[in-house]
PDB file of all heavy atoms in Angstrom:
ATOM      1  N   GLU A   1      -9.654  14.324   0.338  1.00  0.00           N
ATOM      2  CA  GLU A   1     -10.729  13.536  -0.367  1.00  0.00           C
ATOM      3  C   GLU A   1      -9.945  12.873  -1.546  1.00  0.00           C
ATOM      4  O   GLU A   1      -9.571  13.607  -2.550  1.00  0.00           O
ATOM      5  CB  GLU A   1     -11.844  14.329  -0.844  1.00  0.00           C
ATOM      6  CG  GLU A   1     -12.846  13.478  -1.621  1.00  0.00           C
ATOM      7  CD  GLU A   1     -14.031  14.482  -2.224  1.00  0.00           C
ATOM      8  OE1 GLU A   1     -13.766  15.753  -2.386  1.00  0.00           O
ATOM      9  OE2 GLU A   1     -15.126  13.894  -2.399  1.00  0.00           O
ATOM     10  N   VAL A   2      -9.781  11.562  -1.523  1.00  0.00           N
ATOM     11  CA  VAL A   2      -8.967  10.923  -2.550  1.00  0.00           C
ATOM     12  C   VAL A   2      -9.733  10.846  -3.851  1.00  0.00           C
ATOM     13  O   VAL A   2     -10.842  10.335  -4.006  1.00  0.00           O
ATOM     14  CB  VAL A   2      -8.561   9.439  -2.080  1.00  0.00           C
ATOM     15  CG1 VAL A   2      -7.754   8.774  -3.141  1.00  0.00           C
ATOM     16  CG2 VAL A   2      -7.816   9.562  -0.812  1.00  0.00           C
ATOM     17  N   ARG A   3      -9.014  11.192  -4.955  1.00  0.00           N
ATOM     18  CA  ARG A   3      -9.559  11.188  -6.230  1.00  0.00           C
ATOM     19  C   ARG A   3      -9.024   9.931  -7.074  1.00  0.00           C
ATOM     20  O   ARG A   3      -9.626   9.359  -7.897  1.00  0.00           O
ATOM     21  CB  ARG A   3      -9.341  12.468  -6.953  1.00  0.00           C
ATOM     22  CG  ARG A   3      -9.959  13.734  -6.378  1.00  0.00           C
ATOM     23  CD  ARG A   3     -11.448  13.549  -6.038  1.00  0.00           C
ATOM     24  NE  ARG A   3     -12.219  13.462  -7.330  1.00  0.00           N
ATOM     25  CZ  ARG A   3     -12.566  14.408  -8.036  1.00  0.00           C
ATOM     26  NH1 ARG A   3     -12.313  15.660  -7.622  1.00  0.00           N
ATOM     27  NH2 ARG A   3     -13.328  14.300  -9.168  1.00  0.00           N
ATOM     28  N   ALA A   4      -7.693   9.717  -6.802  1.00  0.00           N
ATOM     29  CA  ALA A   4      -6.997   8.748  -7.548  1.00  0.00           C
ATOM     30  C   ALA A   4      -5.805   8.221  -6.735  1.00  0.00           C
ATOM     31  O   ALA A   4      -5.278   8.881  -5.892  1.00  0.00           O
ATOM     32  CB  ALA A   4      -6.537   9.100  -8.981  1.00  0.00           C
ATOM     33  N   CYS A   5      -5.474   6.944  -6.852  1.00  0.00           N
ATOM     34  CA  CYS A   5      -4.319   6.368  -6.067  1.00  0.00           C
ATOM     35  C   CYS A   5      -3.701   5.337  -7.051  1.00  0.00           C
ATOM     36  O   CYS A   5      -4.300   4.361  -7.426  1.00  0.00           O
ATOM     37  CB  CYS A   5      -4.736   5.772  -4.795  1.00  0.00           C
ATOM     38  SG  CYS A   5      -3.294   5.357  -3.712  1.00  0.00           S
ATOM     39  N   GLY A   6      -2.381   5.616  -7.282  1.00  0.00           N
ATOM     40  CA  GLY A   6      -1.627   4.550  -8.091  1.00  0.00           C
ATOM     41  C   GLY A   6      -1.361   3.399  -7.435  1.00  0.00           C
ATOM     42  O   GLY A   6      -1.338   3.333  -6.115  1.00  0.00           O
ATOM     43  N   ILE A   7      -1.112   2.339  -8.110  1.00  0.00           N
ATOM     44  CA  ILE A   7      -0.800   1.040  -7.616  1.00  0.00           C
ATOM     45  C   ILE A   7       0.652   0.672  -7.914  1.00  0.00           C
ATOM     46  O   ILE A   7       1.081   0.880  -9.071  1.00  0.00           O
ATOM     47  CB  ILE A   7      -1.724  -0.061  -8.150  1.00  0.00           C
ATOM     48  CG1 ILE A   7      -3.103   0.247  -7.711  1.00  0.00           C
ATOM     49  CG2 ILE A   7      -1.244  -1.452  -7.720  1.00  0.00           C
ATOM     50  CD1 ILE A   7      -4.151  -0.799  -8.105  1.00  0.00           C
ATOM     51  N   CYS A   8       1.408   0.246  -6.912  1.00  0.00           N
ATOM     52  CA  CYS A   8       2.825   0.146  -7.007  1.00  0.00           C
ATOM     53  C   CYS A   8       3.274  -1.242  -6.683  1.00  0.00           C
ATOM     54  O   CYS A   8       2.646  -1.995  -5.846  1.00  0.00           O
ATOM     55  CB  CYS A   8       3.534   1.139  -6.139  1.00  0.00           C
ATOM     56  SG  CYS A   8       5.320   1.058  -6.052  1.00  0.00           S
ATOM     57  N   ARG A   9       4.459  -1.745  -7.231  1.00  0.00           N
ATOM     58  CA  ARG A   9       4.889  -3.031  -6.821  1.00  0.00           C
ATOM     59  C   ARG A   9       5.233  -3.080  -5.420  1.00  0.00           C
ATOM     60  O   ARG A   9       5.154  -4.130  -4.712  1.00  0.00           O
ATOM     61  CB  ARG A   9       6.201  -3.322  -7.663  1.00  0.00           C
ATOM     62  CG  ARG A   9       6.636  -4.805  -7.545  1.00  0.00           C
ATOM     63  CD  ARG A   9       7.457  -5.194  -8.729  1.00  0.00           C
ATOM     64  NE  ARG A   9       6.838  -5.343  -9.940  1.00  0.00           N
ATOM     65  CZ  ARG A   9       6.129  -6.330 -10.250  1.00  0.00           C
ATOM     66  NH1 ARG A   9       5.931  -7.373  -9.485  1.00  0.00           N
ATOM     67  NH2 ARG A   9       5.470  -6.401 -11.472  1.00  0.00           N
ATOM     68  N   THR A  10       5.536  -1.937  -4.695  1.00  0.00           N
ATOM     69  CA  THR A  10       5.737  -1.846  -3.357  1.00  0.00           C
ATOM     70  C   THR A  10       4.448  -2.439  -2.564  1.00  0.00           C
ATOM     71  O   THR A  10       4.560  -3.101  -1.508  1.00  0.00           O
ATOM     72  CB  THR A  10       6.184  -0.524  -2.845  1.00  0.00           C
ATOM     73  OG1 THR A  10       7.334  -0.190  -3.440  1.00  0.00           O
ATOM     74  CG2 THR A  10       6.275  -0.588  -1.305  1.00  0.00           C
ATOM     75  N   ASP A  11       3.223  -2.097  -3.104  1.00  0.00           N
ATOM     76  CA  ASP A  11       2.089  -2.476  -2.452  1.00  0.00           C
ATOM     77  C   ASP A  11       2.059  -4.147  -2.564  1.00  0.00           C
ATOM     78  O   ASP A  11       1.586  -4.709  -1.555  1.00  0.00           O
ATOM     79  CB  ASP A  11       0.756  -2.049  -3.230  1.00  0.00           C
ATOM     80  CG  ASP A  11       0.668  -0.497  -3.282  1.00  0.00           C
ATOM     81  OD1 ASP A  11       0.952  -0.012  -2.107  1.00  0.00           O
ATOM     82  OD2 ASP A  11       0.383   0.115  -4.306  1.00  0.00           O
ATOM     83  N   LEU A  12       2.505  -4.762  -3.600  1.00  0.00           N
ATOM     84  CA  LEU A  12       2.634  -6.208  -3.647  1.00  0.00           C
ATOM     85  C   LEU A  12       3.576  -6.657  -2.562  1.00  0.00           C
ATOM     86  O   LEU A  12       3.328  -7.678  -1.962  1.00  0.00           O
ATOM     87  CB  LEU A  12       3.002  -6.643  -5.058  1.00  0.00           C
ATOM     88  CG  LEU A  12       2.047  -6.467  -6.136  1.00  0.00           C
ATOM     89  CD1 LEU A  12       2.659  -6.961  -7.539  1.00  0.00           C
ATOM     90  CD2 LEU A  12       0.798  -7.350  -5.945  1.00  0.00           C
ATOM     91  N   HIS A  13       4.706  -6.059  -2.416  1.00  0.00           N
ATOM     92  CA  HIS A  13       5.615  -6.507  -1.431  1.00  0.00           C
ATOM     93  C   HIS A  13       5.022  -6.415   0.026  1.00  0.00           C
ATOM     94  O   HIS A  13       5.242  -7.268   0.893  1.00  0.00           O
ATOM     95  CB  HIS A  13       6.938  -5.617  -1.429  1.00  0.00           C
ATOM     96  CG  HIS A  13       7.698  -5.691  -2.702  1.00  0.00           C
ATOM     97  ND1 HIS A  13       7.868  -6.903  -3.369  1.00  0.00           N
ATOM     98  CD2 HIS A  13       8.329  -4.701  -3.487  1.00  0.00           C
ATOM     99  CE1 HIS A  13       8.624  -6.641  -4.480  1.00  0.00           C
ATOM    100  NE2 HIS A  13       8.912  -5.377  -4.525  1.00  0.00           N
ATOM    101  N   VAL A  14       4.253  -5.386   0.239  1.00  0.00           N
ATOM    102  CA  VAL A  14       3.560  -5.278   1.614  1.00  0.00           C
ATOM    103  C   VAL A  14       2.552  -6.411   1.675  1.00  0.00           C
ATOM    104  O   VAL A  14       2.474  -7.136   2.714  1.00  0.00           O
ATOM    105  CB  VAL A  14       2.868  -3.910   1.740  1.00  0.00           C
ATOM    106  CG1 VAL A  14       1.964  -3.908   3.032  1.00  0.00           C
ATOM    107  CG2 VAL A  14       3.883  -2.822   1.781  1.00  0.00           C
ATOM    108  N   MET A  15       1.652  -6.579   0.634  1.00  0.00           N
ATOM    109  CA  MET A  15       0.693  -7.635   0.727  1.00  0.00           C
ATOM    110  C   MET A  15       1.318  -9.058   0.759  1.00  0.00           C
ATOM    111  O   MET A  15       0.709  -9.940   1.474  1.00  0.00           O
ATOM    112  CB  MET A  15      -0.179  -7.622  -0.443  1.00  0.00           C
ATOM    113  CG  MET A  15      -1.101  -6.320  -0.469  1.00  0.00           C
ATOM    114  SD  MET A  15      -2.264  -6.377  -1.835  1.00  0.00           S
ATOM    115  CE  MET A  15      -3.171  -7.869  -1.458  1.00  0.00           C
ATOM    116  N   ASP A  16       2.447  -9.321   0.160  1.00  0.00           N
ATOM    117  CA  ASP A  16       3.007 -10.583   0.212  1.00  0.00           C
ATOM    118  C   ASP A  16       3.926 -10.909   1.393  1.00  0.00           C
ATOM    119  O   ASP A  16       4.475 -11.988   1.516  1.00  0.00           O
ATOM    120  CB  ASP A  16       3.880 -10.750  -1.082  1.00  0.00           C
ATOM    121  CG  ASP A  16       3.039 -10.819  -2.353  1.00  0.00           C
ATOM    122  OD1 ASP A  16       1.835 -10.962  -2.245  1.00  0.00           O
ATOM    123  OD2 ASP A  16       3.666 -10.645  -3.462  1.00  0.00           O
ATOM    124  N   GLY A  17       3.988  -9.922   2.280  1.00  0.00           N
ATOM    125  CA  GLY A  17       4.846 -10.098   3.531  1.00  0.00           C
ATOM    126  C   GLY A  17       6.282  -9.981   3.279  1.00  0.00           C
ATOM    127  O   GLY A  17       7.060 -10.266   4.119  1.00  0.00           O
ATOM    128  N   GLU A  18       6.753  -9.394   2.017  1.00  0.00           N
ATOM    129  CA  GLU A  18       8.177  -9.299   1.775  1.00  0.00           C
ATOM    130  C   GLU A  18       8.690  -8.030   2.537  1.00  0.00           C
ATOM    131  O   GLU A  18       9.843  -7.977   2.781  1.00  0.00           O
ATOM    132  CB  GLU A  18       8.282  -9.194   0.353  1.00  0.00           C
ATOM    133  CG  GLU A  18       8.002 -10.507  -0.418  1.00  0.00           C
ATOM    134  CD  GLU A  18       8.001 -10.386  -1.864  1.00  0.00           C
ATOM    135  OE1 GLU A  18       7.580  -9.207  -2.358  1.00  0.00           O
ATOM    136  OE2 GLU A  18       8.254 -11.354  -2.503  1.00  0.00           O
ATOM    137  N   LEU A  19       7.847  -7.068   2.872  1.00  0.00           N
ATOM    138  CA  LEU A  19       8.122  -5.983   3.760  1.00  0.00           C
ATOM    139  C   LEU A  19       7.400  -6.286   5.031  1.00  0.00           C
ATOM    140  O   LEU A  19       6.187  -6.231   5.165  1.00  0.00           O
ATOM    141  CB  LEU A  19       7.630  -4.634   3.045  1.00  0.00           C
ATOM    142  CG  LEU A  19       8.344  -4.133   1.923  1.00  0.00           C
ATOM    143  CD1 LEU A  19       7.716  -2.880   1.391  1.00  0.00           C
ATOM    144  CD2 LEU A  19       9.807  -4.078   2.001  1.00  0.00           C
ATOM    145  N   PRO A  20       8.168  -6.648   6.024  1.00  0.00           N
ATOM    146  CA  PRO A  20       7.593  -7.137   7.296  1.00  0.00           C
ATOM    147  C   PRO A  20       6.915  -6.032   8.162  1.00  0.00           C
ATOM    148  O   PRO A  20       7.280  -4.847   8.025  1.00  0.00           O
ATOM    149  CB  PRO A  20       8.810  -7.790   7.985  1.00  0.00           C
ATOM    150  CG  PRO A  20       9.850  -6.923   7.560  1.00  0.00           C
ATOM    151  CD  PRO A  20       9.670  -6.596   6.146  1.00  0.00           C
ATOM    152  N   HIS A  21       5.978  -6.429   9.000  1.00  0.00           N
ATOM    153  CA  HIS A  21       5.420  -5.648  10.090  1.00  0.00           C
ATOM    154  C   HIS A  21       4.611  -4.390   9.576  1.00  0.00           C
ATOM    155  O   HIS A  21       4.875  -3.289  10.191  1.00  0.00           O
ATOM    156  CB  HIS A  21       6.526  -5.232  11.042  1.00  0.00           C
ATOM    157  CG  HIS A  21       7.505  -6.346  11.565  1.00  0.00           C
ATOM    158  ND1 HIS A  21       6.938  -7.534  12.110  1.00  0.00           N
ATOM    159  CD2 HIS A  21       8.787  -6.440  11.418  1.00  0.00           C
ATOM    160  CE1 HIS A  21       8.032  -8.248  12.330  1.00  0.00           C
ATOM    161  NE2 HIS A  21       9.141  -7.741  12.016  1.00  0.00           N
ATOM    162  N   PRO A  22       3.833  -4.562   8.636  1.00  0.00           N
ATOM    163  CA  PRO A  22       2.961  -3.464   8.296  1.00  0.00           C
ATOM    164  C   PRO A  22       1.961  -3.200   9.400  1.00  0.00           C
ATOM    165  O   PRO A  22       1.746  -4.065  10.233  1.00  0.00           O
ATOM    166  CB  PRO A  22       2.212  -3.880   7.064  1.00  0.00           C
ATOM    167  CG  PRO A  22       2.219  -5.312   7.110  1.00  0.00           C
ATOM    168  CD  PRO A  22       3.486  -5.704   7.814  1.00  0.00           C
ATOM    169  N   ALA A  23       1.437  -1.976   9.410  1.00  0.00           N
ATOM    170  CA  ALA A  23       0.598  -1.571  10.581  1.00  0.00           C
ATOM    171  C   ALA A  23      -0.804  -2.140  10.340  1.00  0.00           C
ATOM    172  O   ALA A  23      -1.701  -1.412   9.801  1.00  0.00           O
ATOM    173  CB  ALA A  23       0.568  -0.073  10.713  1.00  0.00           C
ATOM    174  N   LEU A  24      -0.996  -3.381  10.511  1.00  0.00           N
ATOM    175  CA  LEU A  24      -2.291  -4.067  10.316  1.00  0.00           C
ATOM    176  C   LEU A  24      -3.438  -3.705  11.429  1.00  0.00           C
ATOM    177  O   LEU A  24      -3.004  -3.541  12.492  1.00  0.00           O
ATOM    178  CB  LEU A  24      -2.159  -5.580  10.233  1.00  0.00           C
ATOM    179  CG  LEU A  24      -1.140  -6.028   9.165  1.00  0.00           C
ATOM    180  CD1 LEU A  24      -1.005  -7.479   9.215  1.00  0.00           C
ATOM    181  CD2 LEU A  24      -1.622  -5.587   7.793  1.00  0.00           C
ATOM    182  N   PRO A  25      -4.572  -3.609  11.021  1.00  0.00           N
ATOM    183  CA  PRO A  25      -5.157  -3.572   9.618  1.00  0.00           C
ATOM    184  C   PRO A  25      -4.757  -2.301   8.936  1.00  0.00           C
ATOM    185  O   PRO A  25      -4.701  -1.264   9.512  1.00  0.00           O
ATOM    186  CB  PRO A  25      -6.678  -3.695   9.812  1.00  0.00           C
ATOM    187  CG  PRO A  25      -6.951  -3.033  11.266  1.00  0.00           C
ATOM    188  CD  PRO A  25      -5.743  -3.368  12.023  1.00  0.00           C
ATOM    189  N   LEU A  26      -4.572  -2.383   7.577  1.00  0.00           N
ATOM    190  CA  LEU A  26      -3.835  -1.361   6.896  1.00  0.00           C
ATOM    191  C   LEU A  26      -4.605  -1.084   5.675  1.00  0.00           C
ATOM    192  O   LEU A  26      -5.046  -1.986   4.944  1.00  0.00           O
ATOM    193  CB  LEU A  26      -2.413  -1.795   6.554  1.00  0.00           C
ATOM    194  CG  LEU A  26      -1.644  -0.888   5.604  1.00  0.00           C
ATOM    195  CD1 LEU A  26      -1.282   0.376   6.378  1.00  0.00           C
ATOM    196  CD2 LEU A  26      -0.403  -1.559   5.031  1.00  0.00           C
ATOM    197  N   ILE A  27      -4.790   0.178   5.317  1.00  0.00           N
ATOM    198  CA  ILE A  27      -5.299   0.692   3.980  1.00  0.00           C
ATOM    199  C   ILE A  27      -3.976   0.980   3.143  1.00  0.00           C
ATOM    200  O   ILE A  27      -3.220   1.915   3.441  1.00  0.00           O
ATOM    201  CB  ILE A  27      -6.089   1.981   4.095  1.00  0.00           C
ATOM    202  CG1 ILE A  27      -7.354   1.656   5.000  1.00  0.00           C
ATOM    203  CG2 ILE A  27      -6.581   2.441   2.723  1.00  0.00           C
ATOM    204  CD1 ILE A  27      -8.107   2.859   5.312  1.00  0.00           C
ATOM    205  N   PRO A  28      -3.731   0.146   2.190  1.00  0.00           N
ATOM    206  CA  PRO A  28      -2.479   0.418   1.379  1.00  0.00           C
ATOM    207  C   PRO A  28      -2.728   1.610   0.407  1.00  0.00           C
ATOM    208  O   PRO A  28      -3.768   2.253   0.404  1.00  0.00           O
ATOM    209  CB  PRO A  28      -2.396  -0.835   0.519  1.00  0.00           C
ATOM    210  CG  PRO A  28      -3.331  -1.866   1.157  1.00  0.00           C
ATOM    211  CD  PRO A  28      -4.393  -0.962   1.713  1.00  0.00           C
ATOM    212  N   GLY A  29      -1.616   1.910  -0.396  1.00  0.00           N
ATOM    213  CA  GLY A  29      -1.684   2.957  -1.372  1.00  0.00           C
ATOM    214  C   GLY A  29      -0.810   4.207  -0.995  1.00  0.00           C
ATOM    215  O   GLY A  29      -1.075   4.917   0.011  1.00  0.00           O
ATOM    216  N   HIS A  30       0.198   4.554  -1.884  1.00  0.00           N
ATOM    217  CA  HIS A  30       0.938   5.664  -1.495  1.00  0.00           C
ATOM    218  C   HIS A  30       1.295   6.511  -2.781  1.00  0.00           C
ATOM    219  O   HIS A  30       2.373   7.113  -2.800  1.00  0.00           O
ATOM    220  CB  HIS A  30       2.352   5.091  -0.980  1.00  0.00           C
ATOM    221  CG  HIS A  30       3.060   4.124  -1.865  1.00  0.00           C
ATOM    222  ND1 HIS A  30       2.779   2.803  -1.885  1.00  0.00           N
ATOM    223  CD2 HIS A  30       4.034   4.403  -2.795  1.00  0.00           C
ATOM    224  CE1 HIS A  30       3.587   2.249  -2.801  1.00  0.00           C
ATOM    225  NE2 HIS A  30       4.389   3.187  -3.361  1.00  0.00           N
ATOM    226  N   GLN A  31       0.451   6.588  -3.682  1.00  0.00           N
ATOM    227  CA  GLN A  31       0.516   7.443  -4.776  1.00  0.00           C
ATOM    228  C   GLN A  31      -0.838   8.235  -4.865  1.00  0.00           C
ATOM    229  O   GLN A  31      -1.681   8.022  -5.794  1.00  0.00           O
ATOM    230  CB  GLN A  31       0.783   6.753  -6.129  1.00  0.00           C
ATOM    231  CG  GLN A  31       2.143   6.101  -6.135  1.00  0.00           C
ATOM    232  CD  GLN A  31       2.484   5.412  -7.311  1.00  0.00           C
ATOM    233  OE1 GLN A  31       3.205   5.931  -8.278  1.00  0.00           O
ATOM    234  NE2 GLN A  31       1.962   4.111  -7.551  1.00  0.00           N
ATOM    235  N   ILE A  32      -1.111   9.094  -3.894  1.00  0.00           N
ATOM    236  CA  ILE A  32      -2.461   9.603  -3.674  1.00  0.00           C
ATOM    237  C   ILE A  32      -2.513  11.045  -4.315  1.00  0.00           C
ATOM    238  O   ILE A  32      -1.713  11.887  -4.186  1.00  0.00           O
ATOM    239  CB  ILE A  32      -2.722   9.735  -2.128  1.00  0.00           C
ATOM    240  CG1 ILE A  32      -2.525   8.422  -1.450  1.00  0.00           C
ATOM    241  CG2 ILE A  32      -4.055  10.301  -1.841  1.00  0.00           C
ATOM    242  CD1 ILE A  32      -2.541   8.621   0.083  1.00  0.00           C
ATOM    243  N   VAL A  33      -3.638  11.148  -5.062  1.00  0.00           N
ATOM    244  CA  VAL A  33      -4.016  12.492  -5.568  1.00  0.00           C
ATOM    245  C   VAL A  33      -5.431  12.863  -5.071  1.00  0.00           C
ATOM    246  O   VAL A  33      -6.327  11.973  -5.291  1.00  0.00           O
ATOM    247  CB  VAL A  33      -4.035  12.537  -7.069  1.00  0.00           C
ATOM    248  CG1 VAL A  33      -4.442  13.926  -7.616  1.00  0.00           C
ATOM    249  CG2 VAL A  33      -2.598  12.229  -7.670  1.00  0.00           C
TER     250      VAL A  33
END
C-alpha cells in the first residue's frame, strides 16, 4: 500500500522518450514507501 513516492529526473527521461521502450502502458515511480 503506497504511502509516498518520490519523483525523479529519471521519470522525466522515461516520459520524454529519452529512455526507450518502457513497458507501456506504465505506472511510473521508483522511490516507493
